[in-house]
PDB file of N, CA and C in Angstrom:
ATOM      1  N   MET A   1     242.025 -34.579  -0.387  1.00  0.00           N
ATOM      2  CA  MET A   1     240.965 -33.808   0.233  1.00  0.00           C
ATOM      3  C   MET A   1     240.199 -33.059  -0.855  1.00  0.00           C
ATOM      4  N   PHE A   2     238.882 -33.063  -0.747  1.00  0.00           N
ATOM      5  CA  PHE A   2     238.019 -32.367  -1.686  1.00  0.00           C
ATOM      6  C   PHE A   2     237.655 -31.001  -1.121  1.00  0.00           C
ATOM      7  N   LYS A   3     237.626 -30.011  -1.996  1.00  0.00           N
ATOM      8  CA  LYS A   3     237.327 -28.654  -1.563  1.00  0.00           C
ATOM      9  C   LYS A   3     235.949 -28.242  -2.052  1.00  0.00           C
ATOM     10  N   LEU A   4     235.186 -27.650  -1.144  1.00  0.00           N
ATOM     11  CA  LEU A   4     233.891 -27.073  -1.454  1.00  0.00           C
ATOM     12  C   LEU A   4     233.957 -25.586  -1.148  1.00  0.00           C
ATOM     13  N   THR A   5     233.388 -24.776  -2.014  1.00  0.00           N
ATOM     14  CA  THR A   5     233.289 -23.344  -1.755  1.00  0.00           C
ATOM     15  C   THR A   5     231.821 -23.008  -1.587  1.00  0.00           C
ATOM     16  N   LEU A   6     231.517 -22.323  -0.490  1.00  0.00           N
ATOM     17  CA  LEU A   6     230.162 -21.858  -0.238  1.00  0.00           C
ATOM     18  C   LEU A   6     230.139 -20.355  -0.476  1.00  0.00           C
ATOM     19  N   TYR A   7     229.475 -19.950  -1.554  1.00  0.00           N
ATOM     20  CA  TYR A   7     229.346 -18.532  -1.867  1.00  0.00           C
ATOM     21  C   TYR A   7     228.140 -17.980  -1.133  1.00  0.00           C
ATOM     22  N   GLY A   8     228.347 -16.883  -0.427  1.00  0.00           N
ATOM     23  CA  GLY A   8     227.280 -16.252   0.337  1.00  0.00           C
ATOM     24  C   GLY A   8     227.709 -14.872   0.765  1.00  0.00           C
ATOM     25  N   LYS A   9     227.110 -14.383   1.846  1.00  0.00           N
ATOM     26  CA  LYS A   9     227.505 -13.094   2.400  1.00  0.00           C
ATOM     27  C   LYS A   9     227.160 -13.063   3.877  1.00  0.00           C
ATOM     28  N   ALA A  10     227.693 -12.073   4.561  1.00  0.00           N
ATOM     29  CA  ALA A  10     227.440 -11.918   5.996  1.00  0.00           C
ATOM     30  C   ALA A  10     225.958 -11.610   6.230  1.00  0.00           C
ATOM     31  N   ASP A  11     225.477 -11.988   7.382  1.00  0.00           N
ATOM     32  CA  ASP A  11     224.087 -11.736   7.767  1.00  0.00           C
ATOM     33  C   ASP A  11     223.087 -12.336   6.785  1.00  0.00           C
ATOM     34  N   CYS A  12     223.390 -13.527   6.298  1.00  0.00           N
ATOM     35  CA  CYS A  12     222.516 -14.242   5.363  1.00  0.00           C
ATOM     36  C   CYS A  12     222.069 -15.523   6.070  1.00  0.00           C
ATOM     37  N   GLU A  13     220.822 -15.530   6.511  1.00  0.00           N
ATOM     38  CA  GLU A  13     220.311 -16.682   7.246  1.00  0.00           C
ATOM     39  C   GLU A  13     220.318 -17.950   6.402  1.00  0.00           C
ATOM     40  N   LEU A  14     219.992 -17.822   5.122  1.00  0.00           N
ATOM     41  CA  LEU A  14     220.003 -18.994   4.241  1.00  0.00           C
ATOM     42  C   LEU A  14     221.415 -19.542   4.082  1.00  0.00           C
ATOM     43  N   CYS A  15     222.403 -18.639   4.038  1.00  0.00           N
ATOM     44  CA  CYS A  15     223.803 -19.065   3.931  1.00  0.00           C
ATOM     45  C   CYS A  15     224.219 -19.840   5.182  1.00  0.00           C
ATOM     46  N   ASP A  16     223.777 -19.354   6.332  1.00  0.00           N
ATOM     47  CA  ASP A  16     224.077 -20.053   7.588  1.00  0.00           C
ATOM     48  C   ASP A  16     223.427 -21.428   7.620  1.00  0.00           C
ATOM     49  N   GLN A  17     222.193 -21.521   7.122  1.00  0.00           N
ATOM     50  CA  GLN A  17     221.505 -22.814   7.060  1.00  0.00           C
ATOM     51  C   GLN A  17     222.231 -23.777   6.125  1.00  0.00           C
ATOM     52  N   ALA A  18     222.638 -23.257   4.980  1.00  0.00           N
ATOM     53  CA  ALA A  18     223.363 -24.095   4.019  1.00  0.00           C
ATOM     54  C   ALA A  18     224.679 -24.581   4.610  1.00  0.00           C
ATOM     55  N   GLU A  19     225.407 -23.690   5.282  1.00  0.00           N
ATOM     56  CA  GLU A  19     226.680 -24.083   5.887  1.00  0.00           C
ATOM     57  C   GLU A  19     226.477 -25.181   6.925  1.00  0.00           C
ATOM     58  N   ALA A  20     225.477 -25.023   7.779  1.00  0.00           N
ATOM     59  CA  ALA A  20     225.206 -26.033   8.805  1.00  0.00           C
ATOM     60  C   ALA A  20     224.866 -27.377   8.170  1.00  0.00           C
ATOM     61  N   MET A  21     224.077 -27.363   7.104  1.00  0.00           N
ATOM     62  CA  MET A  21     223.706 -28.599   6.437  1.00  0.00           C
ATOM     63  C   MET A  21     224.937 -29.264   5.816  1.00  0.00           C
ATOM     64  N   VAL A  22     225.756 -28.469   5.147  1.00  0.00           N
ATOM     65  CA  VAL A  22     226.961 -29.013   4.507  1.00  0.00           C
ATOM     66  C   VAL A  22     227.897 -29.600   5.559  1.00  0.00           C
ATOM     67  N   ARG A  23     228.129 -28.864   6.626  1.00  0.00           N
ATOM     68  CA  ARG A  23     229.041 -29.352   7.671  1.00  0.00           C
ATOM     69  C   ARG A  23     228.519 -30.634   8.316  1.00  0.00           C
ATOM     70  N   SER A  24     227.211 -30.779   8.429  1.00  0.00           N
ATOM     71  CA  SER A  24     226.662 -31.990   9.050  1.00  0.00           C
ATOM     72  C   SER A  24     226.759 -33.204   8.130  1.00  0.00           C
ATOM     73  N   MET A  25     226.918 -32.979   6.839  1.00  0.00           N
ATOM     74  CA  MET A  25     226.934 -34.091   5.884  1.00  0.00           C
ATOM     75  C   MET A  25     228.306 -34.412   5.319  1.00  0.00           C
ATOM     76  N   THR A  26     229.261 -33.564   5.531  1.00  0.00           N
ATOM     77  CA  THR A  26     230.573 -33.813   4.941  1.00  0.00           C
ATOM     78  C   THR A  26     231.475 -34.563   5.893  1.00  0.00           C
ATOM     79  N   GLN A  27     232.350 -35.338   5.306  1.00  0.00           N
ATOM     80  CA  GLN A  27     233.329 -36.098   6.073  1.00  0.00           C
ATOM     81  C   GLN A  27     234.613 -35.282   6.188  1.00  0.00           C
ATOM     82  N   ARG A  28     235.583 -35.848   6.831  1.00  0.00           N
ATOM     83  CA  ARG A  28     236.860 -35.152   7.024  1.00  0.00           C
ATOM     84  C   ARG A  28     237.617 -34.921   5.723  1.00  0.00           C
ATOM     85  N   ASN A  29     237.260 -35.662   4.677  1.00  0.00           N
ATOM     86  CA  ASN A  29     237.967 -35.492   3.408  1.00  0.00           C
ATOM     87  C   ASN A  29     237.435 -34.310   2.591  1.00  0.00           C
ATOM     88  N   TRP A  30     236.492 -33.555   3.146  1.00  0.00           N
ATOM     89  CA  TRP A  30     235.967 -32.350   2.504  1.00  0.00           C
ATOM     90  C   TRP A  30     236.423 -31.117   3.278  1.00  0.00           C
ATOM     91  N   GLN A  31     236.893 -30.119   2.540  1.00  0.00           N
ATOM     92  CA  GLN A  31     237.260 -28.835   3.135  1.00  0.00           C
ATOM     93  C   GLN A  31     236.240 -27.805   2.658  1.00  0.00           C
ATOM     94  N   LEU A  32     235.584 -27.120   3.579  1.00  0.00           N
ATOM     95  CA  LEU A  32     234.593 -26.105   3.220  1.00  0.00           C
ATOM     96  C   LEU A  32     235.220 -24.728   3.376  1.00  0.00           C
ATOM     97  N   VAL A  33     235.170 -23.959   2.285  1.00  0.00           N
ATOM     98  CA  VAL A  33     235.693 -22.594   2.274  1.00  0.00           C
ATOM     99  C   VAL A  33     234.520 -21.662   2.014  1.00  0.00           C
ATOM    100  N   LYS A  34     234.317 -20.712   2.917  1.00  0.00           N
ATOM    101  CA  LYS A  34     233.249 -19.729   2.735  1.00  0.00           C
ATOM    102  C   LYS A  34     233.814 -18.510   2.007  1.00  0.00           C
ATOM    103  N   THR A  35     233.094 -18.050   0.982  1.00  0.00           N
ATOM    104  CA  THR A  35     233.514 -16.890   0.222  1.00  0.00           C
ATOM    105  C   THR A  35     232.390 -15.864   0.215  1.00  0.00           C
ATOM    106  N   ASP A  36     232.706 -14.660   0.699  1.00  0.00           N
ATOM    107  CA  ASP A  36     231.738 -13.568   0.745  1.00  0.00           C
ATOM    108  C   ASP A  36     231.694 -12.909  -0.630  1.00  0.00           C
ATOM    109  N   ILE A  37     230.531 -12.978  -1.275  1.00  0.00           N
ATOM    110  CA  ILE A  37     230.421 -12.450  -2.636  1.00  0.00           C
ATOM    111  C   ILE A  37     230.533 -10.933  -2.686  1.00  0.00           C
ATOM    112  N   THR A  38     230.376 -10.253  -1.548  1.00  0.00           N
ATOM    113  CA  THR A  38     230.474  -8.798  -1.554  1.00  0.00           C
ATOM    114  C   THR A  38     231.924  -8.325  -1.604  1.00  0.00           C
ATOM    115  N   SER A  39     232.865  -9.265  -1.530  1.00  0.00           N
ATOM    116  CA  SER A  39     234.283  -8.898  -1.556  1.00  0.00           C
ATOM    117  C   SER A  39     234.794  -8.630  -2.966  1.00  0.00           C
ATOM    118  N   GLU A  40     234.054  -9.084  -3.981  1.00  0.00           N
ATOM    119  CA  GLU A  40     234.465  -8.883  -5.368  1.00  0.00           C
ATOM    120  C   GLU A  40     233.248  -8.578  -6.228  1.00  0.00           C
ATOM    121  N   ALA A  41     233.343  -7.555  -7.048  1.00  0.00           N
ATOM    122  CA  ALA A  41     232.224  -7.157  -7.905  1.00  0.00           C
ATOM    123  C   ALA A  41     231.800  -8.292  -8.831  1.00  0.00           C
ATOM    124  N   LYS A  42     232.770  -9.042  -9.347  1.00  0.00           N
ATOM    125  CA  LYS A  42     232.460 -10.147 -10.260  1.00  0.00           C
ATOM    126  C   LYS A  42     231.623 -11.217  -9.561  1.00  0.00           C
ATOM    127  N   LEU A  43     231.981 -11.556  -8.329  1.00  0.00           N
ATOM    128  CA  LEU A  43     231.223 -12.558  -7.577  1.00  0.00           C
ATOM    129  C   LEU A  43     229.822 -12.047  -7.253  1.00  0.00           C
ATOM    130  N   LEU A  44     229.726 -10.782  -6.897  1.00  0.00           N
ATOM    131  CA  LEU A  44     228.428 -10.194  -6.584  1.00  0.00           C
ATOM    132  C   LEU A  44     227.516 -10.223  -7.804  1.00  0.00           C
ATOM    133  N   GLU A  45     228.073  -9.922  -8.960  1.00  0.00           N
ATOM    134  CA  GLU A  45     227.296  -9.963 -10.197  1.00  0.00           C
ATOM    135  C   GLU A  45     226.879 -11.392 -10.536  1.00  0.00           C
ATOM    136  N   GLN A  46     227.802 -12.330 -10.358  1.00  0.00           N
ATOM    137  CA  GLN A  46     227.542 -13.724 -10.731  1.00  0.00           C
ATOM    138  C   GLN A  46     226.557 -14.416  -9.793  1.00  0.00           C
ATOM    139  N   TYR A  47     226.691 -14.176  -8.481  1.00  0.00           N
ATOM    140  CA  TYR A  47     225.912 -14.928  -7.500  1.00  0.00           C
ATOM    141  C   TYR A  47     224.914 -14.101  -6.695  1.00  0.00           C
ATOM    142  N   GLY A  48     224.824 -12.804  -6.971  1.00  0.00           N
ATOM    143  CA  GLY A  48     224.022 -11.900  -6.154  1.00  0.00           C
ATOM    144  C   GLY A  48     222.586 -12.323  -5.901  1.00  0.00           C
ATOM    145  N   TRP A  49     221.951 -12.956  -6.872  1.00  0.00           N
ATOM    146  CA  TRP A  49     220.544 -13.335  -6.733  1.00  0.00           C
ATOM    147  C   TRP A  49     220.342 -14.809  -6.445  1.00  0.00           C
ATOM    148  N   SER A  50     221.425 -15.566  -6.300  1.00  0.00           N
ATOM    149  CA  SER A  50     221.242 -17.014  -6.147  1.00  0.00           C
ATOM    150  C   SER A  50     221.931 -17.618  -4.932  1.00  0.00           C
ATOM    151  N   ILE A  51     222.462 -16.805  -4.021  1.00  0.00           N
ATOM    152  CA  ILE A  51     223.150 -17.365  -2.859  1.00  0.00           C
ATOM    153  C   ILE A  51     222.145 -17.987  -1.911  1.00  0.00           C
ATOM    154  N   PRO A  52     222.594 -18.951  -1.168  1.00  0.00           N
ATOM    155  CA  PRO A  52     223.914 -19.564  -1.177  1.00  0.00           C
ATOM    156  C   PRO A  52     224.088 -20.531  -2.355  1.00  0.00           C
ATOM    157  N   VAL A  53     225.328 -20.623  -2.794  1.00  0.00           N
ATOM    158  CA  VAL A  53     225.712 -21.533  -3.868  1.00  0.00           C
ATOM    159  C   VAL A  53     226.916 -22.335  -3.396  1.00  0.00           C
ATOM    160  N   LEU A  54     226.842 -23.634  -3.563  1.00  0.00           N
ATOM    161  CA  LEU A  54     227.927 -24.538  -3.187  1.00  0.00           C
ATOM    162  C   LEU A  54     228.615 -25.000  -4.463  1.00  0.00           C
ATOM    163  N   GLN A  55     229.939 -24.925  -4.484  1.00  0.00           N
ATOM    164  CA  GLN A  55     230.696 -25.318  -5.675  1.00  0.00           C
ATOM    165  C   GLN A  55     231.763 -26.338  -5.301  1.00  0.00           C
ATOM    166  N   ARG A  56     231.857 -27.393  -6.125  1.00  0.00           N
ATOM    167  CA  ARG A  56     232.920 -28.396  -5.960  1.00  0.00           C
ATOM    168  C   ARG A  56     234.133 -27.942  -6.739  1.00  0.00           C
ATOM    169  N   ALA A  57     235.301 -27.938  -6.117  1.00  0.00           N
ATOM    170  CA  ALA A  57     236.536 -27.533  -6.796  1.00  0.00           C
ATOM    171  C   ALA A  57     236.983 -28.568  -7.813  1.00  0.00           C
ATOM    172  N   ASP A  58     236.705 -29.846  -7.541  1.00  0.00           N
ATOM    173  CA  ASP A  58     237.191 -30.896  -8.444  1.00  0.00           C
ATOM    174  C   ASP A  58     236.453 -30.928  -9.775  1.00  0.00           C
ATOM    175  N   THR A  59     235.184 -30.517  -9.805  1.00  0.00           N
ATOM    176  CA  THR A  59     234.400 -30.570 -11.032  1.00  0.00           C
ATOM    177  C   THR A  59     233.913 -29.203 -11.494  1.00  0.00           C
ATOM    178  N   GLY A  60     233.898 -28.238 -10.578  1.00  0.00           N
ATOM    179  CA  GLY A  60     233.345 -26.925 -10.894  1.00  0.00           C
ATOM    180  C   GLY A  60     231.826 -26.901 -10.842  1.00  0.00           C
ATOM    181  N   GLU A  61     231.221 -28.050 -10.580  1.00  0.00           N
ATOM    182  CA  GLU A  61     229.763 -28.149 -10.520  1.00  0.00           C
ATOM    183  C   GLU A  61     229.232 -27.318  -9.356  1.00  0.00           C
ATOM    184  N   GLU A  62     228.066 -26.699  -9.576  1.00  0.00           N
ATOM    185  CA  GLU A  62     227.459 -25.853  -8.552  1.00  0.00           C
ATOM    186  C   GLU A  62     226.081 -26.365  -8.168  1.00  0.00           C
ATOM    187  N   LEU A  63     225.753 -26.147  -6.913  1.00  0.00           N
ATOM    188  CA  LEU A  63     224.442 -26.484  -6.374  1.00  0.00           C
ATOM    189  C   LEU A  63     223.873 -25.214  -5.762  1.00  0.00           C
ATOM    190  N   LYS A  64     222.757 -24.754  -6.324  1.00  0.00           N
ATOM    191  CA  LYS A  64     222.145 -23.506  -5.855  1.00  0.00           C
ATOM    192  C   LYS A  64     221.030 -23.790  -4.870  1.00  0.00           C
ATOM    193  N   TRP A  65     220.851 -22.898  -3.945  1.00  0.00           N
ATOM    194  CA  TRP A  65     219.801 -22.971  -2.934  1.00  0.00           C
ATOM    195  C   TRP A  65     218.455 -22.774  -3.603  1.00  0.00           C
ATOM    196  N   PRO A  66     217.421 -23.446  -3.188  1.00  0.00           N
ATOM    197  CA  PRO A  66     217.385 -24.348  -2.044  1.00  0.00           C
ATOM    198  C   PRO A  66     217.782 -25.763  -2.453  1.00  0.00           C
ATOM    199  N   PHE A  67     218.546 -26.404  -1.576  1.00  0.00           N
ATOM    200  CA  PHE A  67     218.873 -27.796  -1.852  1.00  0.00           C
ATOM    201  C   PHE A  67     218.514 -28.641  -0.640  1.00  0.00           C
ATOM    202  N   PRO A  68     217.585 -29.586  -0.836  1.00  0.00           N
ATOM    203  CA  PRO A  68     217.214 -30.480   0.254  1.00  0.00           C
ATOM    204  C   PRO A  68     218.365 -31.447   0.530  1.00  0.00           C
ATOM    205  N   PRO A  69     218.362 -32.069   1.684  1.00  0.00           N
ATOM    206  CA  PRO A  69     219.437 -33.004   2.027  1.00  0.00           C
ATOM    207  C   PRO A  69     219.689 -34.063   0.962  1.00  0.00           C
ATOM    208  N   SER A  70     218.643 -34.553   0.312  1.00  0.00           N
ATOM    209  CA  SER A  70     218.834 -35.599  -0.705  1.00  0.00           C
ATOM    210  C   SER A  70     219.651 -35.072  -1.887  1.00  0.00           C
ATOM    211  N   ARG A  71     219.400 -33.850  -2.327  1.00  0.00           N
ATOM    212  CA  ARG A  71     220.183 -33.265  -3.433  1.00  0.00           C
ATOM    213  C   ARG A  71     221.613 -32.994  -2.994  1.00  0.00           C
ATOM    214  N   LEU A  72     221.805 -32.555  -1.753  1.00  0.00           N
ATOM    215  CA  LEU A  72     223.152 -32.300  -1.257  1.00  0.00           C
ATOM    216  C   LEU A  72     223.940 -33.605  -1.176  1.00  0.00           C
ATOM    217  N   ARG A  73     223.315 -34.666  -0.667  1.00  0.00           N
ATOM    218  CA  ARG A  73     223.993 -35.959  -0.609  1.00  0.00           C
ATOM    219  C   ARG A  73     224.425 -36.416  -1.993  1.00  0.00           C
ATOM    220  N   ALA A  74     223.530 -36.301  -2.954  1.00  0.00           N
ATOM    221  CA  ALA A  74     223.850 -36.701  -4.326  1.00  0.00           C
ATOM    222  C   ALA A  74     224.988 -35.840  -4.885  1.00  0.00           C
ATOM    223  N   PHE A  75     224.951 -34.554  -4.616  1.00  0.00           N
ATOM    224  CA  PHE A  75     225.987 -33.626  -5.084  1.00  0.00           C
ATOM    225  C   PHE A  75     227.358 -33.999  -4.507  1.00  0.00           C
ATOM    226  N   LEU A  76     227.383 -34.359  -3.245  1.00  0.00           N
ATOM    227  CA  LEU A  76     228.648 -34.712  -2.584  1.00  0.00           C
ATOM    228  C   LEU A  76     229.158 -36.080  -3.003  1.00  0.00           C
ATOM    229  N   SER A  77     228.273 -36.961  -3.453  1.00  0.00           N
ATOM    230  CA  SER A  77     228.721 -38.323  -3.789  1.00  0.00           C
ATOM    231  C   SER A  77     229.034 -38.514  -5.263  1.00  0.00           C
ATOM    232  N   ILE A  78     228.783 -37.519  -6.075  1.00  0.00           N
ATOM    233  CA  ILE A  78     229.048 -37.637  -7.508  1.00  0.00           C
ATOM    234  C   ILE A  78     230.533 -37.874  -7.725  1.00  0.00           C
ATOM    235  N   ALA A  79     230.847 -38.925  -8.425  1.00  0.00           N
ATOM    236  CA  ALA A  79     232.247 -39.241  -8.734  1.00  0.00           C
ATOM    237  C   ALA A  79     232.502 -38.887 -10.193  1.00  0.00           C
ATOM    238  N   HIS A  80     233.348 -37.913 -10.423  1.00  0.00           N
ATOM    239  CA  HIS A  80     233.698 -37.489 -11.788  1.00  0.00           C
ATOM    240  C   HIS A  80     235.127 -37.864 -12.071  1.00  0.00           C
TER     241      HIS A  80
END
């Protein structure tokens, strides 16, 4: 199973849009974990101006918003 982390925060409409897009495109072999950047100062500093950000656990690669469906598909299909 592949793990994806979606960095965002509560009451973030763009984060909700990104989550819906990711969930509609991922198969059962992907696990999506949402992480609220306000829970840790380091995350808030790192991602505060660029959320939502999607990160692959297997490669560490990140995809920053805005990402159209074509970029998300490519991001999910990259084989490293």
